[in-house]
Amino acid sequence: MTIKYFLKTSVFISMSAMSMAFAQVPEVNNQNGIDYITGGIGLDESSAIKEEAKRWPVQIMLSEIMEGKAVWIADVDLTVKNANHQSVLEIKTDGPFALIKLEPGIYTVEATNKGAKQTRRFTVVHGKPKSISIFWKASPENSAEPANTQ
């Protein structure tokens, strides 16, 4: 095996692995001029979103507490409001993660899972990614209750 062949093969394998990792990040969507990604179903997509989150101003993580363990959830309704209480983004998540490109400022996110709503207020500061965790307690009736986060 020649060194030239080895180098070409190594470069090809590296490029293929990189393109596969990038391909696992869900498509960027846009609403009202705001870019966002939702997803994180499966280990590969979840890992890709966690890596991608480092480049986004806001990351929201959604889970339920079942039998003492956090379980990622999807199909959560998210409404983001600006400091004037105007809705700037309304989405349903495709997985446990939402990455949102918001301008610096003060915002509120309302997250509704199975009829149970939670609200978080947060500030976006340029260059400082914000991570928000929202979780509910799962109840036996298959509905969710806001978890005590204090």
Foldseek 3Di string as FASTA:
>chain_A
DDPVVVVVVVVVVVVVVVVVLQVLADDWDDDLRKTKGFDLPDDSNVVSVVVVLLVFQEKEFEFEQDPNDTDKDFQKWKWKAFPVRHTRDTDGHHIGMMGIHDDFHKMKMWIAFQREIDIDIDTGDPPHHDYHYFYWYQDPVRGTYGDDPD
